[in-house]
């Protein structure tokens, strides 16, 4: 459901700024996986959020 998608993605974006590196890394990993779906990617990129990929295309 759309509201759940927005809530989860918003929460993960907040977690990417957490003080704990492990939490930040896990949130970024989850957002990268969710971004494989164009609908999710559009929601993730709202507000100027940029999905960072490493050299391996992660």
PDB file of N, CA and C in Angstrom:
ATOM      1  N   UNK A   1       0.841  -1.187   0.000  1.00  0.00           N
ATOM      2  CA  UNK A   1       0.000   0.000   0.000  1.00  0.00           C
ATOM      3  C   UNK A   1       0.881   1.243   0.000  1.00  0.00           C
ATOM      4  N   UNK A   2       0.411   2.287  -0.645  1.00  0.00           N
ATOM      5  CA  UNK A   2       1.213   3.490  -0.883  1.00  0.00           C
ATOM      6  C   UNK A   2       1.667   4.168   0.411  1.00  0.00           C
ATOM      7  N   UNK A   3       0.791   4.273   1.391  1.00  0.00           N
ATOM      8  CA  UNK A   3       1.164   4.931   2.653  1.00  0.00           C
ATOM      9  C   UNK A   3       2.287   4.165   3.350  1.00  0.00           C
ATOM     10  N   UNK A   4       2.198   2.850   3.333  1.00  0.00           N
ATOM     11  CA  UNK A   4       3.237   2.034   3.960  1.00  0.00           C
ATOM     12  C   UNK A   4       4.570   2.234   3.236  1.00  0.00           C
ATOM     13  N   UNK A   5       4.529   2.286   1.909  1.00  0.00           N
ATOM     14  CA  UNK A   5       5.750   2.509   1.122  1.00  0.00           C
ATOM     15  C   UNK A   5       6.399   3.830   1.532  1.00  0.00           C
ATOM     16  N   UNK A   6       5.599   4.880   1.603  1.00  0.00           N
ATOM     17  CA  UNK A   6       6.107   6.209   1.960  1.00  0.00           C
ATOM     18  C   UNK A   6       6.679   6.205   3.372  1.00  0.00           C
ATOM     19  N   UNK A   7       5.963   5.584   4.309  1.00  0.00           N
ATOM     20  CA  UNK A   7       6.418   5.542   5.705  1.00  0.00           C
ATOM     21  C   UNK A   7       7.735   4.782   5.851  1.00  0.00           C
ATOM     22  N   UNK A   8       7.826   3.624   5.221  1.00  0.00           N
ATOM     23  CA  UNK A   8       9.034   2.792   5.343  1.00  0.00           C
ATOM     24  C   UNK A   8      10.231   3.480   4.701  1.00  0.00           C
ATOM     25  N   UNK A   9      10.040   4.001   3.505  1.00  0.00           N
ATOM     26  CA  UNK A   9      11.145   4.674   2.820  1.00  0.00           C
ATOM     27  C   UNK A   9      11.573   5.912   3.600  1.00  0.00           C
ATOM     28  N   UNK A  10      10.619   6.665   4.113  1.00  0.00           N
ATOM     29  CA  UNK A  10      10.946   7.841   4.923  1.00  0.00           C
ATOM     30  C   UNK A  10      11.747   7.471   6.156  1.00  0.00           C
ATOM     31  N   UNK A  11      11.347   6.394   6.811  1.00  0.00           N
ATOM     32  CA  UNK A  11      12.061   5.940   8.010  1.00  0.00           C
ATOM     33  C   UNK A  11      13.487   5.503   7.664  1.00  0.00           C
ATOM     34  N   UNK A  12      13.641   4.774   6.571  1.00  0.00           N
ATOM     35  CA  UNK A  12      14.981   4.339   6.161  1.00  0.00           C
ATOM     36  C   UNK A  12      15.864   5.539   5.823  1.00  0.00           C
ATOM     37  N   UNK A  13      15.291   6.553   5.192  1.00  0.00           N
ATOM     38  CA  UNK A  13      16.061   7.753   4.873  1.00  0.00           C
ATOM     39  C   UNK A  13      16.530   8.450   6.150  1.00  0.00           C
ATOM     40  N   UNK A  14      15.691   8.468   7.169  1.00  0.00           N
ATOM     41  CA  UNK A  14      16.088   9.034   8.467  1.00  0.00           C
ATOM     42  C   UNK A  14      17.238   8.225   9.062  1.00  0.00           C
ATOM     43  N   UNK A  15      17.144   6.899   8.957  1.00  0.00           N
ATOM     44  CA  UNK A  15      18.184   6.033   9.524  1.00  0.00           C
ATOM     45  C   UNK A  15      19.534   6.208   8.837  1.00  0.00           C
ATOM     46  N   UNK A  16      19.558   6.698   7.597  1.00  0.00           N
ATOM     47  CA  UNK A  16      20.836   6.914   6.913  1.00  0.00           C
ATOM     48  C   UNK A  16      21.641   8.032   7.562  1.00  0.00           C
ATOM     49  N   UNK A  17      21.025   8.754   8.498  1.00  0.00           N
ATOM     50  CA  UNK A  17      21.724   9.831   9.218  1.00  0.00           C
ATOM     51  C   UNK A  17      21.982   9.461  10.678  1.00  0.00           C
ATOM     52  N   UNK A  18      21.774   8.203  11.028  1.00  0.00           N
ATOM     53  CA  UNK A  18      21.958   7.742  12.403  1.00  0.00           C
ATOM     54  C   UNK A  18      23.432   7.814  12.802  1.00  0.00           C
ATOM     55  N   UNK A  19      23.680   7.967  14.086  1.00  0.00           N
ATOM     56  CA  UNK A  19      25.055   8.021  14.599  1.00  0.00           C
ATOM     57  C   UNK A  19      25.768   6.674  14.477  1.00  0.00           C
ATOM     58  N   UNK A  20      25.019   5.588  14.497  1.00  0.00           N
ATOM     59  CA  UNK A  20      25.585   4.238  14.431  1.00  0.00           C
ATOM     60  C   UNK A  20      25.849   3.862  12.968  1.00  0.00           C
ATOM     61  N   UNK A  21      27.103   3.617  12.643  1.00  0.00           N
ATOM     62  CA  UNK A  21      27.485   3.305  11.265  1.00  0.00           C
ATOM     63  C   UNK A  21      26.780   2.055  10.731  1.00  0.00           C
ATOM     64  N   UNK A  22      26.618   1.050  11.567  1.00  0.00           N
ATOM     65  CA  UNK A  22      25.968  -0.185  11.133  1.00  0.00           C
ATOM     66  C   UNK A  22      24.513   0.079  10.737  1.00  0.00           C
ATOM     67  N   UNK A  23      23.825   0.894  11.509  1.00  0.00           N
ATOM     68  CA  UNK A  23      22.439   1.245  11.179  1.00  0.00           C
ATOM     69  C   UNK A  23      22.399   2.020   9.868  1.00  0.00           C
ATOM     70  N   UNK A  24      23.305   2.986   9.703  1.00  0.00           N
ATOM     71  CA  UNK A  24      23.366   3.760   8.449  1.00  0.00           C
ATOM     72  C   UNK A  24      23.596   2.843   7.260  1.00  0.00           C
ATOM     73  N   UNK A  25      24.556   1.938   7.378  1.00  0.00           N
ATOM     74  CA  UNK A  25      24.876   1.031   6.272  1.00  0.00           C
ATOM     75  C   UNK A  25      23.706   0.121   5.930  1.00  0.00           C
ATOM     76  N   UNK A  26      23.036  -0.398   6.945  1.00  0.00           N
ATOM     77  CA  UNK A  26      21.891  -1.277   6.697  1.00  0.00           C
ATOM     78  C   UNK A  26      20.744  -0.524   6.036  1.00  0.00           C
ATOM     79  N   UNK A  27      20.504   0.710   6.458  1.00  0.00           N
ATOM     80  CA  UNK A  27      19.439   1.514   5.859  1.00  0.00           C
ATOM     81  C   UNK A  27      19.767   1.824   4.398  1.00  0.00           C
ATOM     82  N   UNK A  28      21.009   2.177   4.121  1.00  0.00           N
ATOM     83  CA  UNK A  28      21.424   2.456   2.744  1.00  0.00           C
ATOM     84  C   UNK A  28      21.296   1.208   1.878  1.00  0.00           C
ATOM     85  N   UNK A  29      21.678   0.061   2.418  1.00  0.00           N
ATOM     86  CA  UNK A  29      21.558  -1.201   1.684  1.00  0.00           C
ATOM     87  C   UNK A  29      20.091  -1.463   1.337  1.00  0.00           C
ATOM     88  N   UNK A  30      19.202  -1.282   2.322  1.00  0.00           N
ATOM     89  CA  UNK A  30      17.774  -1.518   2.099  1.00  0.00           C
ATOM     90  C   UNK A  30      17.226  -0.565   1.042  1.00  0.00           C
ATOM     91  N   UNK A  31      17.616   0.698   1.090  1.00  0.00           N
ATOM     92  CA  UNK A  31      17.137   1.663   0.095  1.00  0.00           C
ATOM     93  C   UNK A  31      17.624   1.299  -1.306  1.00  0.00           C
ATOM     94  N   UNK A  32      18.856   0.834  -1.415  1.00  0.00           N
ATOM     95  CA  UNK A  32      19.378   0.413  -2.721  1.00  0.00           C
ATOM     96  C   UNK A  32      18.552  -0.733  -3.288  1.00  0.00           C
ATOM     97  N   UNK A  33      18.205  -1.687  -2.437  1.00  0.00           N
ATOM     98  CA  UNK A  33      17.410  -2.828  -2.898  1.00  0.00           C
ATOM     99  C   UNK A  33      16.003  -2.384  -3.286  1.00  0.00           C
ATOM    100  N   UNK A  34      15.400  -1.531  -2.471  1.00  0.00           N
ATOM    101  CA  UNK A  34      14.057  -1.035  -2.780  1.00  0.00           C
ATOM    102  C   UNK A  34      14.060  -0.211  -4.068  1.00  0.00           C
ATOM    103  N   UNK A  35      15.154   0.483  -4.346  1.00  0.00           N
ATOM    104  CA  UNK A  35      15.248   1.347  -5.519  1.00  0.00           C
ATOM    105  C   UNK A  35      15.284   0.560  -6.828  1.00  0.00           C
ATOM    106  N   UNK A  36      15.427  -0.742  -6.760  1.00  0.00           N
ATOM    107  CA  UNK A  36      15.413  -1.547  -7.979  1.00  0.00           C
ATOM    108  C   UNK A  36      14.043  -1.507  -8.646  1.00  0.00           C
ATOM    109  N   UNK A  37      13.012  -1.162  -7.886  1.00  0.00           N
ATOM    110  CA  UNK A  37      11.658  -0.981  -8.408  1.00  0.00           C
ATOM    111  C   UNK A  37      11.475   0.515  -8.677  1.00  0.00           C
ATOM    112  N   UNK A  38      11.060   0.875  -9.886  1.00  0.00           N
ATOM    113  CA  UNK A  38      10.977   2.288 -10.256  1.00  0.00           C
ATOM    114  C   UNK A  38      10.041   3.089  -9.359  1.00  0.00           C
ATOM    115  N   UNK A  39       8.941   2.496  -8.908  1.00  0.00           N
ATOM    116  CA  UNK A  39       8.029   3.201  -8.009  1.00  0.00           C
ATOM    117  C   UNK A  39       8.700   3.549  -6.701  1.00  0.00           C
ATOM    118  N   UNK A  40       9.470   2.613  -6.183  1.00  0.00           N
ATOM    119  CA  UNK A  40      10.222   2.877  -4.953  1.00  0.00           C
ATOM    120  C   UNK A  40      11.312   3.910  -5.200  1.00  0.00           C
ATOM    121  N   UNK A  41      12.010   3.781  -6.320  1.00  0.00           N
ATOM    122  CA  UNK A  41      13.102   4.703  -6.637  1.00  0.00           C
ATOM    123  C   UNK A  41      12.585   6.143  -6.701  1.00  0.00           C
ATOM    124  N   UNK A  42      11.416   6.334  -7.320  1.00  0.00           N
ATOM    125  CA  UNK A  42      10.842   7.679  -7.396  1.00  0.00           C
ATOM    126  C   UNK A  42      10.577   8.238  -6.004  1.00  0.00           C
ATOM    127  N   UNK A  43      10.043   7.413  -5.124  1.00  0.00           N
ATOM    128  CA  UNK A  43       9.756   7.855  -3.755  1.00  0.00           C
ATOM    129  C   UNK A  43      11.053   8.140  -2.997  1.00  0.00           C
ATOM    130  N   UNK A  44      12.058   7.294  -3.165  1.00  0.00           N
ATOM    131  CA  UNK A  44      13.339   7.471  -2.481  1.00  0.00           C
ATOM    132  C   UNK A  44      14.001   8.775  -2.918  1.00  0.00           C
ATOM    133  N   UNK A  45      13.930   9.100  -4.201  1.00  0.00           N
ATOM    134  CA  UNK A  45      14.625  10.266  -4.735  1.00  0.00           C
ATOM    135  C   UNK A  45      13.890  11.579  -4.482  1.00  0.00           C
ATOM    136  N   UNK A  46      12.677  11.513  -3.939  1.00  0.00           N
ATOM    137  CA  UNK A  46      11.959  12.744  -3.596  1.00  0.00           C
ATOM    138  C   UNK A  46      12.755  13.513  -2.555  1.00  0.00           C
ATOM    139  N   UNK A  47      12.739  14.820  -2.682  1.00  0.00           N
ATOM    140  CA  UNK A  47      13.457  15.655  -1.721  1.00  0.00           C
ATOM    141  C   UNK A  47      14.947  15.721  -1.996  1.00  0.00           C
ATOM    142  N   UNK A  48      15.379  15.189  -3.138  1.00  0.00           N
ATOM    143  CA  UNK A  48      16.781  15.287  -3.521  1.00  0.00           C
ATOM    144  C   UNK A  48      17.684  14.192  -2.983  1.00  0.00           C
ATOM    145  N   UNK A  49      17.115  13.143  -2.373  1.00  0.00           N
ATOM    146  CA  UNK A  49      17.946  12.046  -1.871  1.00  0.00           C
ATOM    147  C   UNK A  49      18.623  11.351  -3.050  1.00  0.00           C
ATOM    148  N   UNK A  50      19.911  11.121  -2.922  1.00  0.00           N
ATOM    149  CA  UNK A  50      20.687  10.471  -3.979  1.00  0.00           C
ATOM    150  C   UNK A  50      21.133   9.105  -3.488  1.00  0.00           C
ATOM    151  N   UNK A  51      20.871   8.085  -4.281  1.00  0.00           N
ATOM    152  CA  UNK A  51      21.287   6.723  -3.955  1.00  0.00           C
ATOM    153  C   UNK A  51      22.737   6.570  -4.392  1.00  0.00           C
ATOM    154  N   UNK A  52      23.611   6.274  -3.436  1.00  0.00           N
ATOM    155  CA  UNK A  52      25.034   6.139  -3.722  1.00  0.00           C
ATOM    156  C   UNK A  52      25.372   4.667  -3.962  1.00  0.00           C
ATOM    157  N   UNK A  53      26.015   4.402  -5.078  1.00  0.00           N
ATOM    158  CA  UNK A  53      26.442   3.048  -5.408  1.00  0.00           C
ATOM    159  C   UNK A  53      27.955   2.996  -5.370  1.00  0.00           C
ATOM    160  N   UNK A  54      28.495   1.850  -4.942  1.00  0.00           N
ATOM    161  CA  UNK A  54      29.948   1.708  -4.940  1.00  0.00           C
ATOM    162  C   UNK A  54      30.412   1.254  -6.323  1.00  0.00           C
ATOM    163  N   UNK A  55      31.699   1.012  -6.469  1.00  0.00           N
ATOM    164  CA  UNK A  55      32.274   0.652  -7.765  1.00  0.00           C
ATOM    165  C   UNK A  55      31.721  -0.650  -8.321  1.00  0.00           C
ATOM    166  N   UNK A  56      31.273  -1.549  -7.445  1.00  0.00           N
ATOM    167  CA  UNK A  56      30.766  -2.842  -7.886  1.00  0.00           C
ATOM    168  C   UNK A  56      29.313  -2.746  -8.340  1.00  0.00           C
ATOM    169  N   UNK A  57      28.720  -1.546  -8.291  1.00  0.00           N
ATOM    170  CA  UNK A  57      27.336  -1.385  -8.695  1.00  0.00           C
ATOM    171  C   UNK A  57      26.351  -1.752  -7.614  1.00  0.00           C
ATOM    172  N   UNK A  58      26.823  -1.808  -6.359  1.00  0.00           N
ATOM    173  CA  UNK A  58      25.968  -2.182  -5.236  1.00  0.00           C
ATOM    174  C   UNK A  58      24.873  -1.179  -5.054  1.00  0.00           C
TER     175      UNK A  58
END
